[in-house]
Amino acid sequence: MRGNTFDPQRARELLAEAGYANGENFPRITLETASGGQNYEVIAQVIQQMLKENLNIDVDIKVMSMAQQSDNAESGNAVFWRTAWLADYPDPENFLCLFLGKDMENETGTYMNSGNYHSGLYDSLYHMGIRELDEAKRYRIFSSLDQMLINDAVIMPLYYDEFTRLIPKYVKGFPQNSIEYRDFRKVWIDESLKRDKPE
């Protein structure tokens, strides 16, 4: 997948083409973020600072509960917000389903598809991908959907989590997987490998 590169000069050129040279007259926007852990507010402040330094765009930050932020995004009342998604199961489809158009509409908004992204091609390829039995073909389809989201600027990925686990040699059967699922029924201690065993 080809991602976005950091190119402030090109961003300033595009801003000028849109009629906002040096950020002049650009409407003030609010970045909504949830309160709580994982440095959400710090991330919002860094985004605010970078937009000011690189594009001279002023951004306000509004901190709210996770429930309030979700409601705002899903009802279409948010313009600019920070969010995250953790997979419920280890498959790209679990992320790509968040951008289905028509299938995700309901009476109160676009639940899950909070970016309100609509693309007939995306929806068609998505449904093709979930029906494809050949894993290599399926992943090629999903990769093209991933690229569409970047090309259409539906999302702006900032980072992804990485975890490091330090496990003693005597702990056996401790599962490692991409969604951090733990089944401790299969974990056991090899007493013969333990150091400093009690007398």
C-alpha atoms as a PDB file:
ATOM      1  CA  MET A   1       0.000   0.000   0.000  1.00  0.00           C
ATOM      2  CA  ARG A   2       1.178   3.500  -0.784  1.00  0.00           C
ATOM      3  CA  GLY A   3       0.614   5.826   2.150  1.00  0.00           C
ATOM      4  CA  ASN A   4       0.769   9.587   2.504  1.00  0.00           C
ATOM      5  CA  THR A   5       4.086  11.352   2.877  1.00  0.00           C
ATOM      6  CA  PHE A   6       4.784  14.378   5.053  1.00  0.00           C
ATOM      7  CA  ASP A   7       5.018  17.238   2.544  1.00  0.00           C
ATOM      8  CA  PRO A   8       4.155  20.598   4.142  1.00  0.00           C
ATOM      9  CA  GLN A   9       5.152  22.536   1.020  1.00  0.00           C
ATOM     10  CA  ARG A  10       2.704  20.608  -1.169  1.00  0.00           C
ATOM     11  CA  ALA A  11       0.028  21.026   1.507  1.00  0.00           C
ATOM     12  CA  ARG A  12       0.584  24.808   1.492  1.00  0.00           C
ATOM     13  CA  GLU A  13       0.310  24.837  -2.311  1.00  0.00           C
ATOM     14  CA  LEU A  14      -2.979  22.935  -2.210  1.00  0.00           C
ATOM     15  CA  LEU A  15      -4.261  25.251   0.512  1.00  0.00           C
ATOM     16  CA  ALA A  16      -3.415  28.256  -1.650  1.00  0.00           C
ATOM     17  CA  GLU A  17      -5.128  26.666  -4.678  1.00  0.00           C
ATOM     18  CA  ALA A  18      -8.247  26.294  -2.531  1.00  0.00           C
ATOM     19  CA  GLY A  19      -8.152  30.028  -1.754  1.00  0.00           C
ATOM     20  CA  TYR A  20      -6.532  29.900   1.670  1.00  0.00           C
ATOM     21  CA  ALA A  21      -2.966  31.046   1.047  1.00  0.00           C
ATOM     22  CA  ASN A  22      -0.964  30.851   4.265  1.00  0.00           C
ATOM     23  CA  GLY A  23      -4.120  29.706   6.035  1.00  0.00           C
ATOM     24  CA  GLU A  24      -5.770  33.112   5.655  1.00  0.00           C
ATOM     25  CA  ASN A  25      -9.585  33.033   6.023  1.00  0.00           C
ATOM     26  CA  PHE A  26      -9.552  29.295   6.634  1.00  0.00           C
ATOM     27  CA  PRO A  27     -12.583  28.536   8.810  1.00  0.00           C
ATOM     28  CA  ARG A  28     -11.723  27.730  12.406  1.00  0.00           C
ATOM     29  CA  ILE A  29     -12.307  24.043  13.055  1.00  0.00           C
ATOM     30  CA  THR A  30     -12.718  21.961  16.194  1.00  0.00           C
ATOM     31  CA  LEU A  31     -10.907  18.691  16.750  1.00  0.00           C
ATOM     32  CA  GLU A  32     -13.039  16.472  18.956  1.00  0.00           C
ATOM     33  CA  THR A  33     -11.351  13.861  21.102  1.00  0.00           C
ATOM     34  CA  ALA A  34     -12.408  11.570  23.886  1.00  0.00           C
ATOM     35  CA  SER A  35     -11.232  12.094  27.418  1.00  0.00           C
ATOM     36  CA  GLY A  36      -9.460   9.331  29.203  1.00  0.00           C
ATOM     37  CA  GLY A  37      -6.317   7.322  28.819  1.00  0.00           C
ATOM     38  CA  GLN A  38      -3.870   6.634  26.038  1.00  0.00           C
ATOM     39  CA  ASN A  39      -2.836  10.291  25.722  1.00  0.00           C
ATOM     40  CA  TYR A  40      -5.814  11.253  23.533  1.00  0.00           C
ATOM     41  CA  GLU A  41      -5.589  14.889  24.568  1.00  0.00           C
ATOM     42  CA  VAL A  42      -1.834  15.016  23.959  1.00  0.00           C
ATOM     43  CA  ILE A  43      -2.335  13.596  20.457  1.00  0.00           C
ATOM     44  CA  ALA A  44      -4.952  16.287  19.765  1.00  0.00           C
ATOM     45  CA  GLN A  45      -2.578  18.990  21.000  1.00  0.00           C
ATOM     46  CA  VAL A  46       0.216  17.731  18.727  1.00  0.00           C
ATOM     47  CA  ILE A  47      -2.136  17.801  15.722  1.00  0.00           C
ATOM     48  CA  GLN A  48      -3.232  21.306  16.684  1.00  0.00           C
ATOM     49  CA  GLN A  49       0.378  22.460  16.928  1.00  0.00           C
ATOM     50  CA  MET A  50       1.465  20.860  13.636  1.00  0.00           C
ATOM     51  CA  LEU A  51      -1.432  22.376  11.685  1.00  0.00           C
ATOM     52  CA  LYS A  52      -0.590  25.794  13.091  1.00  0.00           C
ATOM     53  CA  GLU A  53       3.145  25.516  12.451  1.00  0.00           C
ATOM     54  CA  ASN A  54       2.913  24.048   8.951  1.00  0.00           C
ATOM     55  CA  LEU A  55      -0.286  25.527   7.510  1.00  0.00           C
ATOM     56  CA  ASN A  56      -1.164  28.425   9.818  1.00  0.00           C
ATOM     57  CA  ILE A  57      -4.536  26.825  10.524  1.00  0.00           C
ATOM     58  CA  ASP A  58      -6.137  27.402  13.922  1.00  0.00           C
ATOM     59  CA  VAL A  59      -7.742  24.387  15.514  1.00  0.00           C
ATOM     60  CA  ASP A  60      -9.764  24.278  18.725  1.00  0.00           C
ATOM     61  CA  ILE A  61      -9.817  21.118  20.807  1.00  0.00           C
ATOM     62  CA  LYS A  62     -12.966  19.825  22.443  1.00  0.00           C
ATOM     63  CA  VAL A  63     -12.570  17.024  24.973  1.00  0.00           C
ATOM     64  CA  MET A  64     -15.655  14.951  25.677  1.00  0.00           C
ATOM     65  CA  SER A  65     -16.660  11.524  26.878  1.00  0.00           C
ATOM     66  CA  MET A  66     -16.204   8.587  24.516  1.00  0.00           C
ATOM     67  CA  ALA A  67     -20.000   8.208  24.299  1.00  0.00           C
ATOM     68  CA  GLN A  68     -20.506  11.884  23.389  1.00  0.00           C
ATOM     69  CA  GLN A  69     -17.782  11.784  20.765  1.00  0.00           C
ATOM     70  CA  SER A  70     -19.184   8.615  19.203  1.00  0.00           C
ATOM     71  CA  ASP A  71     -22.686  10.097  19.131  1.00  0.00           C
ATOM     72  CA  ASN A  72     -21.402  13.272  17.448  1.00  0.00           C
ATOM     73  CA  ALA A  73     -19.473  11.340  14.811  1.00  0.00           C
ATOM     74  CA  GLU A  74     -22.211   8.811  14.078  1.00  0.00           C
ATOM     75  CA  SER A  75     -24.915  11.469  13.801  1.00  0.00           C
ATOM     76  CA  GLY A  76     -22.821  13.542  11.371  1.00  0.00           C
ATOM     77  CA  ASN A  77     -22.377  16.451  13.799  1.00  0.00           C
ATOM     78  CA  ALA A  78     -18.579  16.128  13.992  1.00  0.00           C
ATOM     79  CA  VAL A  79     -16.337  17.588  11.305  1.00  0.00           C
ATOM     80  CA  PHE A  80     -12.887  16.658  12.591  1.00  0.00           C
ATOM     81  CA  TRP A  81     -12.274  14.020  15.234  1.00  0.00           C
ATOM     82  CA  ARG A  82      -9.761  11.519  16.551  1.00  0.00           C
ATOM     83  CA  THR A  83     -10.879   7.948  16.832  1.00  0.00           C
ATOM     84  CA  ALA A  84      -9.445   4.453  16.939  1.00  0.00           C
ATOM     85  CA  TRP A  85     -10.532   0.925  16.208  1.00  0.00           C
ATOM     86  CA  LEU A  86      -9.396  -2.383  17.637  1.00  0.00           C
ATOM     87  CA  ALA A  87     -10.171  -5.505  15.668  1.00  0.00           C
ATOM     88  CA  ASP A  88     -12.776  -7.862  17.071  1.00  0.00           C
ATOM     89  CA  TYR A  89     -11.301 -10.702  15.011  1.00  0.00           C
ATOM     90  CA  PRO A  90      -8.043 -11.018  13.045  1.00  0.00           C
ATOM     91  CA  ASP A  91      -9.135 -10.126   9.525  1.00  0.00           C
ATOM     92  CA  PRO A  92      -8.818  -6.939   7.402  1.00  0.00           C
ATOM     93  CA  GLU A  93     -12.570  -7.070   6.825  1.00  0.00           C
ATOM     94  CA  ASN A  94     -13.068  -5.992  10.447  1.00  0.00           C
ATOM     95  CA  PHE A  95     -11.535  -2.611   9.588  1.00  0.00           C
ATOM     96  CA  LEU A  96     -12.792  -2.276   6.023  1.00  0.00           C
ATOM     97  CA  CYS A  97     -16.457  -2.807   6.987  1.00  0.00           C
ATOM     98  CA  LEU A  98     -16.321   0.577   8.770  1.00  0.00           C
ATOM     99  CA  PHE A  99     -16.432   2.391   5.421  1.00  0.00           C
ATOM    100  CA  LEU A 100     -19.373   0.703   3.755  1.00  0.00           C
ATOM    101  CA  GLY A 101     -21.804   3.292   2.457  1.00  0.00           C
ATOM    102  CA  LYS A 102     -25.407   2.345   1.907  1.00  0.00           C
ATOM    103  CA  ASP A 103     -25.267  -0.795   4.063  1.00  0.00           C
ATOM    104  CA  MET A 104     -24.441   1.207   7.185  1.00  0.00           C
ATOM    105  CA  GLU A 105     -27.149   3.859   7.029  1.00  0.00           C
ATOM    106  CA  ASN A 106     -29.920   3.982   9.611  1.00  0.00           C
ATOM    107  CA  GLU A 107     -32.480   6.457  10.925  1.00  0.00           C
ATOM    108  CA  THR A 108     -30.045   8.348  13.154  1.00  0.00           C
ATOM    109  CA  GLY A 109     -26.961   8.487  10.956  1.00  0.00           C
ATOM    110  CA  THR A 110     -24.270   6.253   9.575  1.00  0.00           C
ATOM    111  CA  TYR A 111     -23.414   3.994  12.474  1.00  0.00           C
ATOM    112  CA  MET A 112     -19.880   2.640  12.109  1.00  0.00           C
ATOM    113  CA  ASN A 113     -19.299   4.566   8.869  1.00  0.00           C
ATOM    114  CA  SER A 114     -18.952   7.788  10.833  1.00  0.00           C
ATOM    115  CA  GLY A 115     -16.905   9.382   8.039  1.00  0.00           C
ATOM    116  CA  ASN A 116     -20.025   9.059   5.867  1.00  0.00           C
ATOM    117  CA  TYR A 117     -17.935   7.600   3.035  1.00  0.00           C
ATOM    118  CA  HIS A 118     -19.944   6.504   0.013  1.00  0.00           C
ATOM    119  CA  SER A 119     -18.392   4.726  -2.941  1.00  0.00           C
ATOM    120  CA  GLY A 120     -20.244   2.249  -5.087  1.00  0.00           C
ATOM    121  CA  LEU A 121     -16.928   0.789  -6.235  1.00  0.00           C
ATOM    122  CA  TYR A 122     -15.735   0.348  -2.652  1.00  0.00           C
ATOM    123  CA  ASP A 123     -18.968  -1.369  -1.607  1.00  0.00           C
ATOM    124  CA  SER A 124     -18.898  -3.635  -4.658  1.00  0.00           C
ATOM    125  CA  LEU A 125     -15.277  -4.689  -4.116  1.00  0.00           C
ATOM    126  CA  TYR A 126     -15.886  -5.185  -0.401  1.00  0.00           C
ATOM    127  CA  HIS A 127     -18.751  -7.622  -1.067  1.00  0.00           C
ATOM    128  CA  MET A 128     -16.628  -9.370  -3.678  1.00  0.00           C
ATOM    129  CA  GLY A 129     -13.811  -9.711  -1.144  1.00  0.00           C
ATOM    130  CA  ILE A 130     -15.890 -11.205   1.652  1.00  0.00           C
ATOM    131  CA  ARG A 131     -17.234 -13.845  -0.772  1.00  0.00           C
ATOM    132  CA  GLU A 132     -13.833 -14.729  -2.233  1.00  0.00           C
ATOM    133  CA  LEU A 133     -12.568 -18.125  -1.061  1.00  0.00           C
ATOM    134  CA  ASP A 134      -9.084 -17.859  -2.543  1.00  0.00           C
ATOM    135  CA  GLU A 135      -7.085 -16.178   0.242  1.00  0.00           C
ATOM    136  CA  ALA A 136      -4.528 -14.545  -2.076  1.00  0.00           C
ATOM    137  CA  LYS A 137      -7.268 -12.986  -4.250  1.00  0.00           C
ATOM    138  CA  ARG A 138      -9.206 -11.964  -1.171  1.00  0.00           C
ATOM    139  CA  TYR A 139      -6.225 -10.124   0.280  1.00  0.00           C
ATOM    140  CA  ARG A 140      -5.518  -8.391  -3.046  1.00  0.00           C
ATOM    141  CA  ILE A 141      -9.088  -7.070  -3.057  1.00  0.00           C
ATOM    142  CA  PHE A 142      -8.792  -5.922   0.559  1.00  0.00           C
ATOM    143  CA  SER A 143      -5.456  -4.258  -0.194  1.00  0.00           C
ATOM    144  CA  SER A 144      -7.065  -2.284  -3.035  1.00  0.00           C
ATOM    145  CA  LEU A 145      -9.852  -1.165  -0.653  1.00  0.00           C
ATOM    146  CA  ASP A 146      -7.244  -0.042   1.855  1.00  0.00           C
ATOM    147  CA  GLN A 147      -5.548   2.004  -0.864  1.00  0.00           C
ATOM    148  CA  MET A 148      -8.879   3.565  -1.883  1.00  0.00           C
ATOM    149  CA  LEU A 149      -9.371   4.871   1.651  1.00  0.00           C
ATOM    150  CA  ILE A 150      -5.958   6.534   1.577  1.00  0.00           C
ATOM    151  CA  ASN A 151      -6.361   7.895  -1.969  1.00  0.00           C
ATOM    152  CA  ASP A 152      -9.787   9.353  -1.169  1.00  0.00           C
ATOM    153  CA  ALA A 153      -8.477  10.801   2.133  1.00  0.00           C
ATOM    154  CA  VAL A 154     -11.303   9.181   4.085  1.00  0.00           C
ATOM    155  CA  ILE A 155      -9.010   8.651   7.037  1.00  0.00           C
ATOM    156  CA  MET A 156      -5.615   9.906   8.124  1.00  0.00           C
ATOM    157  CA  PRO A 157      -3.862   7.077   9.981  1.00  0.00           C
ATOM    158  CA  LEU A 158      -1.534   8.425  12.647  1.00  0.00           C
ATOM    159  CA  TYR A 159      -0.061   5.319  14.225  1.00  0.00           C
ATOM    160  CA  TYR A 160      -0.746   1.736  15.153  1.00  0.00           C
ATOM    161  CA  ASP A 161      -0.021  -0.017  18.399  1.00  0.00           C
ATOM    162  CA  GLU A 162       2.816  -2.464  18.834  1.00  0.00           C
ATOM    163  CA  PHE A 163       3.198  -4.614  21.914  1.00  0.00           C
ATOM    164  CA  THR A 164       6.245  -6.282  23.379  1.00  0.00           C
ATOM    165  CA  ARG A 165       5.792  -9.236  25.697  1.00  0.00           C
ATOM    166  CA  LEU A 166       8.545 -10.385  28.039  1.00  0.00           C
ATOM    167  CA  ILE A 167       7.702 -13.933  29.062  1.00  0.00           C
ATOM    168  CA  PRO A 168       9.876 -16.073  31.338  1.00  0.00           C
ATOM    169  CA  LYS A 169      11.163 -19.297  29.769  1.00  0.00           C
ATOM    170  CA  TYR A 170       9.250 -21.350  32.295  1.00  0.00           C
ATOM    171  CA  VAL A 171       5.874 -19.949  31.143  1.00  0.00           C
ATOM    172  CA  LYS A 172       4.589 -22.248  28.411  1.00  0.00           C
ATOM    173  CA  GLY A 173       1.613 -22.094  26.072  1.00  0.00           C
ATOM    174  CA  PHE A 174       1.204 -18.315  26.371  1.00  0.00           C
ATOM    175  CA  PRO A 175      -0.531 -17.364  23.117  1.00  0.00           C
ATOM    176  CA  GLN A 176       0.695 -14.520  20.889  1.00  0.00           C
ATOM    177  CA  ASN A 177      -1.781 -13.193  18.379  1.00  0.00           C
ATOM    178  CA  SER A 178      -2.628  -9.999  16.572  1.00  0.00           C
ATOM    179  CA  ILE A 179      -5.784  -9.173  18.524  1.00  0.00           C
ATOM    180  CA  GLU A 180      -4.324  -9.729  21.991  1.00  0.00           C
ATOM    181  CA  TYR A 181      -6.715 -12.581  22.786  1.00  0.00           C
ATOM    182  CA  ARG A 182      -5.618 -14.679  25.739  1.00  0.00           C
ATOM    183  CA  ASP A 183      -6.813 -18.165  26.621  1.00  0.00           C
ATOM    184  CA  PHE A 184      -5.114 -18.832  29.941  1.00  0.00           C
ATOM    185  CA  ARG A 185      -6.501 -22.366  30.120  1.00  0.00           C
ATOM    186  CA  LYS A 186      -3.572 -23.374  27.894  1.00  0.00           C
ATOM    187  CA  VAL A 187      -0.863 -21.562  29.882  1.00  0.00           C
ATOM    188  CA  TRP A 188       1.283 -23.611  32.232  1.00  0.00           C
ATOM    189  CA  ILE A 189       4.469 -23.329  34.304  1.00  0.00           C
ATOM    190  CA  ASP A 190       7.406 -25.630  33.631  1.00  0.00           C
ATOM    191  CA  GLU A 191       8.739 -25.988  37.169  1.00  0.00           C
ATOM    192  CA  SER A 192      11.983 -27.551  35.922  1.00  0.00           C
ATOM    193  CA  LEU A 193      12.946 -24.240  34.288  1.00  0.00           C
ATOM    194  CA  LYS A 194      12.154 -21.973  37.202  1.00  0.00           C
ATOM    195  CA  ARG A 195      15.056 -20.312  38.964  1.00  0.00           C
ATOM    196  CA  ASP A 196      15.247 -19.756  42.673  1.00  0.00           C
ATOM    197  CA  LYS A 197      12.729 -22.454  43.401  1.00  0.00           C
ATOM    198  CA  PRO A 198      11.665 -22.335  47.052  1.00  0.00           C
ATOM    199  CA  GLU A 199      13.385 -24.825  49.335  1.00  0.00           C
END
